[in-house]
Amino acid sequence: GKPLDLYNDPDNQFVAGFIGSPAMNFFPAMAGEGGVTVPGLGNMTLPAPASAPASGPLTVGVRPQQLRLAEGDSHTVDISEQLGGVAYHYLHAADGTRVTVEAHEQTQPASGSKVGLTVDPENALFFAADSGLRLR
């Protein structure tokens, strides 16, 4: 496929993680009655895609530029790297999940500070936990 098609609409987790810099964030998640709960996103619940199992593990992928820092304490800032017009924030969640956030604001949270994260649910991609195939 065309590079932008693969970037925007990957069919599997390998391609989603391989294309793009910085790499896509992957979060272990659990499908259930209320949707998909993502501990690495502060226990955020996302609507499940139609092909998701009714319950059980899956993986949620979110590109760094689609995450936003927010008020909260679900993540600890490891380091922020300000590069002029763009900053990269490297965080970890309470469950140990490592997260990269690409920001275009000139905010620079201090190392060790607590932040929350938000993401538009439409920007989350879902993958089968066992095969890595895309769930749509």
N, C-alpha and C. Protein backbone atom coordinates (compact mmCIF):
# COMPACT_ATOMS: atom_id res chain seq x y z
N GLY A 1 0.80 -1.18 0.00
CA GLY A 1 0.00 0.00 0.00
C GLY A 1 0.85 1.26 0.00
N LYS A 2 0.21 2.37 -0.17
CA LYS A 2 0.88 3.67 -0.12
C LYS A 2 1.28 3.97 1.32
N PRO A 3 2.41 4.64 1.52
CA PRO A 3 2.88 4.90 2.89
C PRO A 3 1.85 5.59 3.79
N LEU A 4 1.14 6.60 3.29
CA LEU A 4 0.16 7.28 4.13
C LEU A 4 -1.04 6.40 4.43
N ASP A 5 -1.41 5.51 3.50
CA ASP A 5 -2.49 4.57 3.77
C ASP A 5 -2.08 3.62 4.89
N LEU A 6 -0.86 3.12 4.83
CA LEU A 6 -0.36 2.23 5.88
C LEU A 6 -0.26 2.94 7.22
N TYR A 7 0.15 4.20 7.20
CA TYR A 7 0.26 4.98 8.43
C TYR A 7 -1.11 5.24 9.05
N ASN A 8 -2.06 5.67 8.23
CA ASN A 8 -3.39 6.05 8.73
C ASN A 8 -4.32 4.88 8.99
N ASP A 9 -4.12 3.78 8.29
CA ASP A 9 -5.08 2.67 8.37
C ASP A 9 -4.37 1.32 8.31
N PRO A 10 -3.49 1.03 9.28
CA PRO A 10 -2.73 -0.22 9.24
C PRO A 10 -3.64 -1.43 9.52
N ASP A 11 -3.31 -2.54 8.89
CA ASP A 11 -4.10 -3.76 9.08
C ASP A 11 -3.63 -4.60 10.26
N ASN A 12 -2.43 -4.29 10.78
CA ASN A 12 -1.95 -5.07 11.92
C ASN A 12 -1.03 -4.22 12.80
N GLN A 13 -0.76 -4.73 13.97
CA GLN A 13 0.03 -4.00 14.97
C GLN A 13 1.47 -3.81 14.52
N PHE A 14 2.04 -4.78 13.82
CA PHE A 14 3.42 -4.64 13.36
C PHE A 14 3.55 -3.43 12.45
N VAL A 15 2.69 -3.31 11.46
CA VAL A 15 2.76 -2.18 10.53
C VAL A 15 2.50 -0.87 11.27
N ALA A 16 1.53 -0.85 12.17
CA ALA A 16 1.22 0.36 12.93
C ALA A 16 2.42 0.83 13.73
N GLY A 17 3.18 -0.09 14.30
CA GLY A 17 4.34 0.28 15.10
C GLY A 17 5.57 0.58 14.27
N PHE A 18 5.64 0.00 13.08
CA PHE A 18 6.82 0.16 12.23
C PHE A 18 6.82 1.50 11.52
N ILE A 19 5.65 1.95 11.10
CA ILE A 19 5.55 3.19 10.33
C ILE A 19 5.19 4.33 11.25
N GLY A 20 5.98 5.39 11.20
CA GLY A 20 5.73 6.58 12.02
C GLY A 20 6.84 6.81 13.02
N SER A 21 7.14 8.07 13.25
CA SER A 21 8.18 8.42 14.21
C SER A 21 7.74 9.68 14.94
N PRO A 22 7.68 9.63 16.28
CA PRO A 22 7.96 8.48 17.11
C PRO A 22 6.92 7.38 16.91
N ALA A 23 7.28 6.19 17.34
CA ALA A 23 6.43 5.02 17.12
C ALA A 23 5.11 5.14 17.87
N MET A 24 4.11 4.41 17.37
CA MET A 24 2.80 4.36 18.00
C MET A 24 2.92 3.80 19.41
N ASN A 25 2.12 4.34 20.32
CA ASN A 25 2.00 3.79 21.69
C ASN A 25 1.04 2.62 21.65
N PHE A 26 1.38 1.53 22.34
CA PHE A 26 0.48 0.38 22.45
C PHE A 26 0.15 0.14 23.91
N PHE A 27 -1.15 -0.03 24.19
CA PHE A 27 -1.64 -0.19 25.55
C PHE A 27 -2.39 -1.51 25.69
N PRO A 28 -2.01 -2.35 26.65
CA PRO A 28 -2.84 -3.51 26.95
C PRO A 28 -4.20 -3.01 27.42
N ALA A 29 -5.26 -3.67 26.98
CA ALA A 29 -6.62 -3.23 27.32
C ALA A 29 -7.50 -4.44 27.52
N MET A 30 -8.71 -4.18 28.03
CA MET A 30 -9.66 -5.25 28.31
C MET A 30 -11.04 -4.84 27.79
N ALA A 31 -11.57 -5.67 26.89
CA ALA A 31 -12.93 -5.44 26.41
C ALA A 31 -13.91 -5.97 27.44
N GLY A 32 -15.00 -5.27 27.63
CA GLY A 32 -16.02 -5.68 28.58
C GLY A 32 -17.35 -5.06 28.23
N GLU A 33 -18.29 -5.21 29.10
CA GLU A 33 -19.66 -4.75 28.86
C GLU A 33 -19.73 -3.25 28.57
N GLY A 34 -18.92 -2.44 29.24
CA GLY A 34 -19.00 -0.99 29.07
C GLY A 34 -18.11 -0.43 27.99
N GLY A 35 -17.37 -1.26 27.27
CA GLY A 35 -16.44 -0.80 26.25
C GLY A 35 -15.06 -1.39 26.50
N VAL A 36 -14.04 -0.67 26.09
CA VAL A 36 -12.66 -1.13 26.24
C VAL A 36 -11.96 -0.26 27.28
N THR A 37 -11.53 -0.87 28.37
CA THR A 37 -10.84 -0.16 29.44
C THR A 37 -9.34 -0.24 29.22
N VAL A 38 -8.68 0.92 29.29
CA VAL A 38 -7.25 1.01 28.99
C VAL A 38 -6.52 1.52 30.23
N PRO A 39 -5.94 0.63 31.06
CA PRO A 39 -5.23 1.06 32.26
C PRO A 39 -4.10 2.06 31.96
N GLY A 40 -3.37 1.86 30.86
CA GLY A 40 -2.25 2.74 30.51
C GLY A 40 -2.68 4.14 30.10
N LEU A 41 -3.99 4.35 29.95
CA LEU A 41 -4.53 5.68 29.69
C LEU A 41 -5.37 6.14 30.87
N GLY A 42 -4.94 5.78 32.08
CA GLY A 42 -5.65 6.21 33.28
C GLY A 42 -7.01 5.56 33.43
N ASN A 43 -7.15 4.31 32.98
CA ASN A 43 -8.41 3.56 33.01
C ASN A 43 -9.50 4.20 32.16
N MET A 44 -9.10 4.90 31.13
CA MET A 44 -10.05 5.48 30.18
C MET A 44 -10.84 4.34 29.53
N THR A 45 -12.12 4.56 29.30
CA THR A 45 -12.95 3.59 28.60
C THR A 45 -13.28 4.13 27.22
N LEU A 46 -12.99 3.32 26.21
CA LEU A 46 -13.23 3.69 24.82
C LEU A 46 -14.33 2.80 24.25
N PRO A 47 -15.09 3.30 23.29
CA PRO A 47 -16.09 2.45 22.66
C PRO A 47 -15.39 1.33 21.89
N ALA A 48 -15.93 0.12 22.00
CA ALA A 48 -15.33 -1.03 21.34
C ALA A 48 -15.68 -1.04 19.86
N PRO A 49 -14.73 -1.43 19.00
CA PRO A 49 -15.07 -1.58 17.59
C PRO A 49 -16.01 -2.77 17.39
N ALA A 50 -16.72 -2.80 16.29
CA ALA A 50 -17.71 -3.84 16.03
C ALA A 50 -17.13 -5.24 16.08
N SER A 51 -15.89 -5.42 15.64
CA SER A 51 -15.31 -6.76 15.57
C SER A 51 -14.57 -7.18 16.86
N ALA A 52 -14.63 -6.34 17.89
CA ALA A 52 -13.95 -6.68 19.15
C ALA A 52 -14.69 -7.80 19.87
N PRO A 53 -13.96 -8.62 20.62
CA PRO A 53 -14.65 -9.64 21.41
C PRO A 53 -15.50 -8.98 22.49
N ALA A 54 -16.54 -9.68 22.94
CA ALA A 54 -17.41 -9.13 23.98
C ALA A 54 -16.65 -8.92 25.28
N SER A 55 -15.66 -9.76 25.51
CA SER A 55 -14.81 -9.59 26.69
C SER A 55 -13.45 -10.22 26.38
N GLY A 56 -12.46 -9.76 27.10
CA GLY A 56 -11.13 -10.32 26.93
C GLY A 56 -10.10 -9.28 26.56
N PRO A 57 -8.83 -9.70 26.50
CA PRO A 57 -7.75 -8.76 26.24
C PRO A 57 -7.65 -8.34 24.79
N LEU A 58 -7.20 -7.13 24.59
CA LEU A 58 -6.85 -6.62 23.28
C LEU A 58 -5.81 -5.53 23.46
N THR A 59 -5.36 -4.95 22.38
CA THR A 59 -4.35 -3.90 22.43
C THR A 59 -4.90 -2.66 21.76
N VAL A 60 -4.68 -1.51 22.38
CA VAL A 60 -5.10 -0.23 21.82
C VAL A 60 -3.85 0.54 21.39
N GLY A 61 -3.87 1.06 20.18
CA GLY A 61 -2.76 1.86 19.66
C GLY A 61 -3.17 3.29 19.47
N VAL A 62 -2.28 4.21 19.90
CA VAL A 62 -2.53 5.65 19.72
C VAL A 62 -1.21 6.30 19.34
N ARG A 63 -1.22 7.07 18.28
CA ARG A 63 -0.01 7.78 17.85
C ARG A 63 0.31 8.91 18.84
N PRO A 64 1.60 9.19 19.05
CA PRO A 64 2.01 10.22 20.03
C PRO A 64 1.39 11.59 19.79
N GLN A 65 1.19 11.97 18.54
CA GLN A 65 0.63 13.29 18.26
C GLN A 65 -0.87 13.36 18.49
N GLN A 66 -1.51 12.23 18.77
CA GLN A 66 -2.95 12.21 19.02
C GLN A 66 -3.28 12.19 20.51
N LEU A 67 -2.26 12.14 21.34
CA LEU A 67 -2.46 12.24 22.79
C LEU A 67 -2.27 13.68 23.23
N ARG A 68 -2.98 14.08 24.26
CA ARG A 68 -2.85 15.43 24.82
C ARG A 68 -2.62 15.34 26.31
N LEU A 69 -1.72 16.16 26.82
CA LEU A 69 -1.54 16.27 28.26
C LEU A 69 -2.77 16.95 28.84
N ALA A 70 -3.16 16.54 30.04
CA ALA A 70 -4.34 17.10 30.69
C ALA A 70 -4.12 17.13 32.20
N GLU A 71 -5.04 17.76 32.89
CA GLU A 71 -5.01 17.72 34.35
C GLU A 71 -5.21 16.29 34.79
N GLY A 72 -4.54 15.90 35.84
CA GLY A 72 -4.71 14.56 36.36
C GLY A 72 -3.44 14.04 36.98
N ASP A 73 -3.50 12.79 37.43
CA ASP A 73 -2.34 12.21 38.08
C ASP A 73 -2.12 10.75 37.67
N SER A 74 -2.61 10.39 36.48
CA SER A 74 -2.52 9.00 36.03
C SER A 74 -1.15 8.65 35.44
N HIS A 75 -0.33 9.65 35.14
CA HIS A 75 0.96 9.42 34.51
C HIS A 75 2.04 10.27 35.18
N THR A 76 3.24 9.73 35.21
CA THR A 76 4.39 10.45 35.75
C THR A 76 5.31 10.82 34.59
N VAL A 77 5.76 12.07 34.58
CA VAL A 77 6.65 12.55 33.53
C VAL A 77 8.06 12.05 33.83
N ASP A 78 8.64 11.32 32.89
CA ASP A 78 10.04 10.91 33.03
C ASP A 78 10.94 12.04 32.56
N ILE A 79 10.68 12.54 31.36
CA ILE A 79 11.47 13.64 30.82
C ILE A 79 10.67 14.31 29.70
N SER A 80 10.89 15.60 29.54
CA SER A 80 10.30 16.34 28.42
C SER A 80 11.44 16.90 27.59
N GLU A 81 11.30 16.76 26.30
CA GLU A 81 12.34 17.20 25.37
C GLU A 81 11.74 18.28 24.48
N GLN A 82 12.11 19.54 24.71
CA GLN A 82 11.58 20.65 23.92
C GLN A 82 12.51 20.88 22.73
N LEU A 83 11.95 20.80 21.53
CA LEU A 83 12.76 20.95 20.32
C LEU A 83 12.31 22.13 19.48
N GLY A 84 11.92 23.21 20.14
CA GLY A 84 11.45 24.39 19.42
C GLY A 84 9.96 24.32 19.20
N GLY A 85 9.53 24.01 17.98
CA GLY A 85 8.12 23.97 17.65
C GLY A 85 7.41 22.69 18.08
N VAL A 86 8.15 21.71 18.54
CA VAL A 86 7.56 20.44 18.97
C VAL A 86 8.27 19.98 20.24
N ALA A 87 7.52 19.30 21.08
CA ALA A 87 8.10 18.73 22.30
C ALA A 87 7.68 17.27 22.38
N TYR A 88 8.56 16.46 22.93
CA TYR A 88 8.25 15.05 23.19
C TYR A 88 8.27 14.85 24.69
N HIS A 89 7.17 14.33 25.20
CA HIS A 89 7.06 14.04 26.63
C HIS A 89 7.05 12.53 26.79
N TYR A 90 7.95 12.03 27.61
CA TYR A 90 8.06 10.60 27.87
C TYR A 90 7.53 10.35 29.27
N LEU A 91 6.49 9.53 29.35
CA LEU A 91 5.76 9.31 30.60
C LEU A 91 5.69 7.83 30.90
N HIS A 92 5.26 7.52 32.12
CA HIS A 92 4.85 6.14 32.42
C HIS A 92 3.59 6.19 33.27
N ALA A 93 2.73 5.20 33.01
CA ALA A 93 1.48 5.07 33.74
C ALA A 93 1.72 4.27 35.01
N ALA A 94 0.73 4.27 35.88
CA ALA A 94 0.83 3.53 37.14
C ALA A 94 1.06 2.04 36.90
N ASP A 95 0.55 1.50 35.78
CA ASP A 95 0.75 0.08 35.49
C ASP A 95 2.09 -0.20 34.81
N GLY A 96 2.92 0.85 34.64
CA GLY A 96 4.25 0.69 34.05
C GLY A 96 4.30 0.94 32.56
N THR A 97 3.17 1.12 31.92
CA THR A 97 3.15 1.35 30.48
C THR A 97 3.90 2.64 30.16
N ARG A 98 4.81 2.56 29.21
CA ARG A 98 5.55 3.73 28.73
C ARG A 98 4.75 4.42 27.65
N VAL A 99 4.74 5.76 27.70
CA VAL A 99 3.93 6.55 26.78
C VAL A 99 4.76 7.70 26.24
N THR A 100 4.65 7.94 24.94
CA THR A 100 5.27 9.10 24.30
C THR A 100 4.16 10.02 23.81
N VAL A 101 4.27 11.30 24.15
CA VAL A 101 3.31 12.31 23.71
C VAL A 101 4.07 13.35 22.89
N GLU A 102 3.58 13.62 21.68
CA GLU A 102 4.14 14.68 20.86
C GLU A 102 3.23 15.90 21.00
N ALA A 103 3.80 17.02 21.43
CA ALA A 103 3.00 18.23 21.66
C ALA A 103 3.56 19.39 20.86
N HIS A 104 2.67 20.25 20.43
CA HIS A 104 3.10 21.44 19.69
C HIS A 104 2.92 22.70 20.52
N GLU A 105 2.51 22.53 21.77
CA GLU A 105 2.48 23.66 22.70
C GLU A 105 3.86 23.75 23.35
N GLN A 106 4.17 24.91 23.85
CA GLN A 106 5.47 25.06 24.49
C GLN A 106 5.36 24.88 26.00
N THR A 107 4.66 23.83 26.39
CA THR A 107 4.58 23.47 27.80
C THR A 107 5.64 22.42 28.07
N GLN A 108 6.23 22.48 29.23
CA GLN A 108 7.25 21.51 29.57
C GLN A 108 7.07 21.10 31.02
N PRO A 109 6.27 20.04 31.24
CA PRO A 109 6.09 19.58 32.62
C PRO A 109 7.42 19.08 33.19
N ALA A 110 7.61 19.30 34.46
CA ALA A 110 8.86 18.91 35.12
C ALA A 110 8.93 17.40 35.28
N SER A 111 10.14 16.87 35.22
CA SER A 111 10.35 15.45 35.48
C SER A 111 9.81 15.11 36.86
N GLY A 112 9.08 14.02 36.97
CA GLY A 112 8.50 13.59 38.23
C GLY A 112 7.11 14.13 38.49
N SER A 113 6.66 15.10 37.68
CA SER A 113 5.32 15.66 37.90
C SER A 113 4.27 14.68 37.38
N LYS A 114 3.05 14.87 37.86
CA LYS A 114 1.93 14.01 37.49
C LYS A 114 1.05 14.74 36.49
N VAL A 115 0.61 14.01 35.48
CA VAL A 115 -0.26 14.57 34.45
C VAL A 115 -1.32 13.53 34.08
N GLY A 116 -2.34 13.98 33.40
CA GLY A 116 -3.33 13.09 32.83
C GLY A 116 -3.18 13.11 31.32
N LEU A 117 -3.89 12.23 30.66
CA LEU A 117 -3.87 12.18 29.19
C LEU A 117 -5.29 12.13 28.66
N THR A 118 -5.49 12.71 27.50
CA THR A 118 -6.75 12.58 26.80
C THR A 118 -6.45 12.16 25.36
N VAL A 119 -7.42 11.51 24.77
CA VAL A 119 -7.34 11.13 23.36
C VAL A 119 -8.75 11.11 22.81
N ASP A 120 -8.91 11.57 21.59
CA ASP A 120 -10.19 11.45 20.90
C ASP A 120 -10.37 9.97 20.57
N PRO A 121 -11.46 9.35 21.02
CA PRO A 121 -11.65 7.92 20.77
C PRO A 121 -11.56 7.52 19.29
N GLU A 122 -11.85 8.45 18.40
CA GLU A 122 -11.76 8.15 16.97
C GLU A 122 -10.32 7.93 16.51
N ASN A 123 -9.36 8.37 17.32
CA ASN A 123 -7.95 8.22 16.97
C ASN A 123 -7.32 6.95 17.54
N ALA A 124 -8.08 6.17 18.27
CA ALA A 124 -7.57 4.93 18.84
C ALA A 124 -7.76 3.79 17.85
N LEU A 125 -6.74 2.96 17.71
CA LEU A 125 -6.82 1.77 16.87
C LEU A 125 -6.82 0.55 17.79
N PHE A 126 -7.53 -0.48 17.38
CA PHE A 126 -7.68 -1.67 18.21
C PHE A 126 -7.10 -2.87 17.48
N PHE A 127 -6.38 -3.71 18.24
CA PHE A 127 -5.73 -4.89 17.68
C PHE A 127 -6.02 -6.10 18.56
N ALA A 128 -6.14 -7.27 17.93
CA ALA A 128 -6.32 -8.51 18.68
C ALA A 128 -5.05 -8.75 19.49
N ALA A 129 -5.21 -9.09 20.77
CA ALA A 129 -4.05 -9.29 21.65
C ALA A 129 -3.20 -10.47 21.21
N ASP A 130 -3.81 -11.49 20.64
CA ASP A 130 -3.05 -12.70 20.29
C ASP A 130 -2.41 -12.61 18.92
N SER A 131 -3.11 -12.11 17.92
CA SER A 131 -2.59 -12.11 16.55
C SER A 131 -2.03 -10.77 16.10
N GLY A 132 -2.43 -9.67 16.75
CA GLY A 132 -2.02 -8.34 16.33
C GLY A 132 -2.81 -7.82 15.14
N LEU A 133 -3.81 -8.56 14.68
CA LEU A 133 -4.63 -8.08 13.57
C LEU A 133 -5.55 -6.97 14.01
N ARG A 134 -5.82 -6.05 13.13
CA ARG A 134 -6.66 -4.89 13.40
C ARG A 134 -8.10 -5.31 13.61
N LEU A 135 -8.73 -4.73 14.62
CA LEU A 135 -10.15 -4.92 14.89
C LEU A 135 -10.86 -3.65 14.44
N ARG A 136 -11.85 -3.78 13.60
CA ARG A 136 -12.53 -2.59 13.06
C ARG A 136 -13.99 -2.56 13.48
